[in-house]
Amino acid sequence: MSYISKAYKKVETLYEDEHIIVLNKPAGILSIPDRYNPYLPNLKKYLELKGHRPYVLHRIDRETSGLICFALNEEAHKEMSKQFNKRTIDKYYQAIIDGKPITDAAAVDLPIGENMSARGTMKVDQRYGKKASSYYKVLERFNKFSLVEVKIETGRMHQIRVHMKAIGHPLAVDSIYGKRDGFYLSEVKGSKRYNVRDGEDEKPLVSRITLHAWRLHFNHPVSGEKIMLEAPLMKDMNAMLKQLRKYDVLRELY
């Protein structure tokens, strides 16, 4: 089996008809072809290999997992694009972040623009940035980390990652905007070489950004029916949460 076919093996179809298809994207696969290396695994190519003619509606980062929708004909593309442009589509994410936000829920309205000193990254830019709105809600608190739901009203590049960093709680794993490029069990268990054979380095439980496109709500482009889809967290983020619940339990001070 080729590398490409192995990469696509974990892609899951959550909804499909003649007009649209919604996939559950594993981390590590691009939404659309890379401009410099079009042979990297991407969902547009995956759908073409399955005999579809996909129309791109939105994207999620390569290392983000979860829900992404494609139109399968021009009519559906036109109608779905209207919903995205009017921001009537509800997009919810789950993220594991550093620390514990002071409030259980809050809006983050901070404009985002390209970081010209580090091309390919974004930053809060009050002068030149474009409007960006996110709303987070804490789902679970731990000692060092938190699990949050984030609903985005706009779809700026790296929006959640930039906004969570701006409020002092970057994603738990994010080599660009956060503090680490992997999560190791020893960080919360206390043992520096937990369950590691002599001479071997500890392997991270999560080695990609801790962000998952969780829920997607929209109106069907032809029937108008309300479509509400949910993609459970991927194995790596679930494994991290399991260990946080065991070793990073929140201890309240009385």
Protein backbone atom coordinates (compact mmCIF):
# COMPACT_ATOMS: atom_id res chain seq x y z
CA MET A 1 0.00 0.00 0.00
CA SER A 2 1.42 3.39 -0.99
CA TYR A 3 2.05 6.26 1.44
CA ILE A 4 -0.81 8.20 -0.12
CA SER A 5 -3.35 5.43 0.28
CA LYS A 6 -2.23 4.84 3.88
CA ALA A 7 -2.74 8.53 4.65
CA TYR A 8 -6.30 8.43 3.30
CA LYS A 9 -7.24 5.24 5.13
CA LYS A 10 -8.35 7.10 8.27
CA VAL A 11 -10.57 9.63 6.47
CA GLU A 12 -14.19 9.04 7.51
CA THR A 13 -17.34 10.11 5.67
CA LEU A 14 -19.99 11.38 8.11
CA TYR A 15 -22.55 12.65 5.59
CA GLU A 16 -22.90 12.26 1.82
CA ASP A 17 -25.52 12.81 -0.85
CA GLU A 18 -25.38 14.02 -4.45
CA HIS A 19 -24.91 17.64 -3.36
CA ILE A 20 -22.49 17.71 -0.41
CA ILE A 21 -20.11 15.51 1.53
CA VAL A 22 -18.82 16.01 5.08
CA LEU A 23 -15.60 14.29 6.13
CA ASN A 24 -13.93 13.68 9.46
CA LYS A 25 -10.33 14.67 8.68
CA PRO A 26 -7.46 13.06 10.58
CA ALA A 27 -4.57 15.30 11.57
CA GLY A 28 -1.72 15.41 9.07
CA ILE A 29 -3.79 15.67 5.89
CA LEU A 30 -4.26 18.97 4.06
CA SER A 31 -7.70 20.28 3.16
CA ILE A 32 -6.59 21.28 -0.35
CA PRO A 33 -3.41 20.71 -2.39
CA ASP A 34 -0.26 22.47 -1.25
CA ARG A 35 0.84 25.08 -3.79
CA TYR A 36 4.46 23.93 -3.63
CA ASN A 37 3.91 20.18 -3.30
CA PRO A 38 0.57 19.11 -4.81
CA TYR A 39 1.36 15.46 -4.13
CA LEU A 40 0.99 15.78 -0.37
CA PRO A 41 -2.15 13.99 0.91
CA ASN A 42 -5.16 16.32 0.75
CA LEU A 43 -8.92 15.90 0.92
CA LYS A 44 -9.64 17.46 -2.45
CA LYS A 45 -7.45 14.84 -4.12
CA TYR A 46 -8.99 12.13 -1.93
CA LEU A 47 -12.46 13.01 -3.19
CA GLU A 48 -11.28 13.17 -6.80
CA LEU A 49 -9.84 9.67 -6.44
CA LYS A 50 -13.29 8.55 -5.28
CA GLY A 51 -14.85 9.94 -8.47
CA HIS A 52 -16.16 13.25 -7.12
CA ARG A 53 -15.70 16.76 -8.45
CA PRO A 54 -15.34 18.61 -5.13
CA TYR A 55 -15.85 22.33 -4.62
CA VAL A 56 -13.95 23.83 -1.69
CA LEU A 57 -16.11 25.66 0.88
CA HIS A 58 -13.75 26.10 3.83
CA ARG A 59 -10.50 24.71 5.25
CA ILE A 60 -9.03 23.52 8.50
CA ASP A 61 -5.32 23.42 9.31
CA ARG A 62 -3.28 20.39 8.35
CA GLU A 63 -2.69 19.38 11.98
CA THR A 64 -6.29 20.06 13.03
CA SER A 65 -8.64 17.10 12.93
CA GLY A 66 -12.40 17.03 12.46
CA LEU A 67 -15.30 18.12 10.29
CA ILE A 68 -14.94 19.67 6.86
CA CYS A 69 -17.59 20.06 4.16
CA PHE A 70 -17.26 20.03 0.36
CA ALA A 71 -19.90 20.77 -2.27
CA LEU A 72 -20.26 18.25 -5.09
CA ASN A 73 -21.89 20.44 -7.75
CA GLU A 74 -22.11 24.10 -8.74
CA GLU A 75 -25.61 24.63 -7.32
CA ALA A 76 -24.63 23.30 -3.91
CA HIS A 77 -21.41 25.29 -3.98
CA LYS A 78 -23.30 28.51 -4.67
CA GLU A 79 -25.84 27.97 -1.88
CA MET A 80 -23.34 26.75 0.71
CA SER A 81 -21.01 29.65 -0.09
CA LYS A 82 -23.84 32.05 0.71
CA GLN A 83 -24.22 30.48 4.15
CA PHE A 84 -20.49 30.70 4.83
CA ASN A 85 -20.36 34.33 3.64
CA LYS A 86 -23.37 35.27 5.75
CA ARG A 87 -21.86 33.41 8.72
CA THR A 88 -25.03 31.40 9.29
CA ILE A 89 -23.08 28.14 9.57
CA ASP A 90 -22.21 27.17 13.14
CA LYS A 91 -18.68 25.83 13.59
CA TYR A 92 -17.67 24.44 16.98
CA TYR A 93 -14.22 23.19 17.95
CA GLN A 94 -12.79 21.42 20.98
CA ALA A 95 -9.34 22.43 22.15
CA ILE A 96 -7.05 21.43 24.98
CA ILE A 97 -5.36 24.59 26.19
CA ASP A 98 -2.72 25.63 28.67
CA GLY A 99 -3.92 26.83 32.06
CA LYS A 100 -7.36 27.63 33.43
CA PRO A 101 -9.30 30.64 32.08
CA ILE A 102 -10.63 32.94 34.80
CA THR A 103 -14.15 32.91 33.37
CA ASP A 104 -16.12 29.83 32.33
CA ALA A 105 -17.14 31.48 29.05
CA ALA A 106 -16.21 34.63 27.17
CA ALA A 107 -16.09 36.25 23.75
CA VAL A 108 -12.77 37.11 22.12
CA ASP A 109 -13.10 39.91 19.57
CA LEU A 110 -9.60 40.72 18.38
CA PRO A 111 -8.65 41.56 14.77
CA ILE A 112 -6.15 39.22 13.13
CA GLY A 113 -3.57 39.97 10.47
CA GLU A 114 -0.52 38.33 8.96
CA ASN A 115 2.65 38.44 11.04
CA MET A 116 5.09 39.95 8.56
CA SER A 117 8.08 39.07 10.75
CA ALA A 118 7.18 35.38 10.57
CA ARG A 119 5.54 34.71 7.22
CA GLY A 120 2.84 32.08 7.25
CA THR A 121 1.77 32.94 10.79
CA MET A 122 -0.83 35.36 12.14
CA LYS A 123 -1.10 37.79 15.05
CA VAL A 124 -3.54 40.13 16.75
CA ASP A 125 -3.27 43.37 14.81
CA GLN A 126 -5.43 46.23 16.05
CA ARG A 127 -4.41 48.53 13.20
CA TYR A 128 -4.43 46.40 10.05
CA GLY A 129 -6.05 43.16 11.12
CA LYS A 130 -9.42 41.86 9.94
CA LYS A 131 -12.35 41.40 12.29
CA ALA A 132 -12.23 38.04 14.07
CA SER A 133 -14.71 36.77 16.65
CA SER A 134 -14.52 33.63 18.77
CA TYR A 135 -16.49 32.47 21.79
CA TYR A 136 -15.09 29.90 24.20
CA LYS A 137 -16.71 27.83 26.94
CA VAL A 138 -14.78 25.73 29.45
CA LEU A 139 -15.91 22.10 29.35
CA GLU A 140 -13.44 20.65 31.82
CA ARG A 141 -10.72 22.04 34.06
CA PHE A 142 -7.54 20.31 35.17
CA ASN A 143 -4.59 21.43 37.24
CA LYS A 144 -2.41 22.64 34.37
CA PHE A 145 -4.76 22.43 31.39
CA SER A 146 -8.38 22.90 30.31
CA LEU A 147 -10.71 21.45 27.69
CA VAL A 148 -12.73 24.16 25.95
CA GLU A 149 -15.35 24.46 23.26
CA VAL A 150 -14.74 27.32 20.81
CA LYS A 151 -17.38 28.64 18.43
CA ILE A 152 -16.01 30.85 15.68
CA GLU A 153 -18.07 33.56 14.01
CA THR A 154 -15.37 34.34 11.45
CA GLY A 155 -12.87 32.05 9.75
CA ARG A 156 -9.51 33.77 9.84
CA MET A 157 -6.34 31.77 9.35
CA HIS A 158 -5.19 30.25 12.68
CA GLN A 159 -7.99 32.18 14.42
CA ILE A 160 -8.49 29.94 17.46
CA ARG A 161 -4.77 29.47 17.95
CA VAL A 162 -4.12 33.22 17.84
CA HIS A 163 -7.09 34.15 20.03
CA MET A 164 -6.32 31.59 22.73
CA LYS A 165 -2.71 32.75 22.82
CA ALA A 166 -3.89 36.37 23.09
CA ILE A 167 -5.86 35.65 26.27
CA GLY A 168 -2.95 33.78 27.82
CA HIS A 169 -4.12 30.23 27.13
CA PRO A 170 -2.52 28.89 23.94
CA LEU A 171 -3.25 25.39 22.73
CA ALA A 172 -1.55 22.80 24.92
CA VAL A 173 0.41 21.58 21.89
CA ASP A 174 1.27 24.24 19.32
CA SER A 175 4.87 24.75 18.25
CA ILE A 176 4.10 28.15 16.68
CA TYR A 177 1.75 29.88 19.13
CA GLY A 178 2.17 27.73 22.24
CA LYS A 179 4.77 26.41 24.65
CA ARG A 180 5.43 22.88 23.37
CA ASP A 181 5.48 20.76 20.23
CA GLY A 182 4.31 17.60 21.99
CA PHE A 183 2.57 16.47 25.17
CA TYR A 184 4.40 13.90 27.30
CA LEU A 185 2.82 11.94 30.11
CA SER A 186 5.78 12.74 32.36
CA GLU A 187 4.67 16.39 32.41
CA VAL A 188 1.70 15.53 34.63
CA LYS A 189 2.73 12.15 36.07
CA GLY A 190 6.00 13.44 37.44
CA SER A 191 8.29 10.67 36.21
CA LYS A 192 10.74 11.98 33.62
CA ARG A 193 11.07 8.63 31.92
CA TYR A 194 7.66 7.09 32.43
CA ASN A 195 7.31 3.65 30.88
CA VAL A 196 10.42 4.07 28.73
CA ARG A 197 12.94 1.32 28.11
CA ASP A 198 16.59 2.06 28.80
CA GLY A 199 18.07 4.10 26.00
CA GLU A 200 14.75 5.11 24.47
CA ASP A 201 13.20 8.57 24.55
CA GLU A 202 9.71 9.07 25.87
CA LYS A 203 7.17 9.33 23.05
CA PRO A 204 4.55 12.10 23.10
CA LEU A 205 0.89 11.23 23.57
CA VAL A 206 0.04 14.10 21.23
CA SER A 207 2.45 15.54 18.66
CA ARG A 208 0.12 17.89 16.75
CA ILE A 209 -1.94 20.92 17.70
CA THR A 210 -4.64 20.04 20.21
CA LEU A 211 -7.56 21.30 18.14
CA HIS A 212 -10.52 19.38 16.70
CA ALA A 213 -13.38 20.62 14.50
CA TRP A 214 -16.15 19.11 16.59
CA ARG A 215 -19.58 20.19 15.37
CA LEU A 216 -20.96 21.65 12.15
CA HIS A 217 -24.53 22.97 11.78
CA PHE A 218 -25.90 24.24 8.46
CA ASN A 219 -28.94 24.17 6.18
CA HIS A 220 -28.87 21.69 3.32
CA PRO A 221 -28.22 23.65 0.11
CA VAL A 222 -31.14 22.07 -1.76
CA SER A 223 -33.73 20.80 0.73
CA GLY A 224 -33.11 23.47 3.38
CA GLU A 225 -33.10 20.75 6.04
CA LYS A 226 -31.07 21.53 9.14
CA ILE A 227 -27.98 19.32 9.19
CA MET A 228 -26.25 18.92 12.56
CA LEU A 229 -23.11 16.80 12.58
CA GLU A 230 -20.59 15.87 15.27
CA ALA A 231 -17.18 14.22 15.04
CA PRO A 232 -15.85 12.62 18.25
CA LEU A 233 -12.33 13.53 19.33
CA MET A 234 -9.52 11.61 17.70
CA LYS A 235 -7.61 8.90 19.53
CA ASP A 236 -4.61 11.05 20.46
CA MET A 237 -6.59 13.86 22.10
CA ASN A 238 -8.79 11.33 23.89
CA ALA A 239 -5.67 9.62 25.24
CA MET A 240 -4.37 12.95 26.53
CA LEU A 241 -7.67 13.74 28.26
CA LYS A 242 -7.72 10.30 29.86
CA GLN A 243 -4.30 10.92 31.40
CA LEU A 244 -5.19 14.46 32.49
CA ARG A 245 -8.27 13.10 34.29
CA LYS A 246 -6.02 10.65 36.08
CA TYR A 247 -2.87 12.64 36.83
CA ASP A 248 -3.75 16.34 36.44
CA VAL A 249 -6.83 16.47 38.63
CA LEU A 250 -7.84 19.97 39.68
CA ARG A 251 -7.28 20.49 43.40
CA GLU A 252 -9.32 23.31 44.82
CA LEU A 253 -7.93 25.37 47.70
CA TYR A 254 -10.24 25.85 50.66
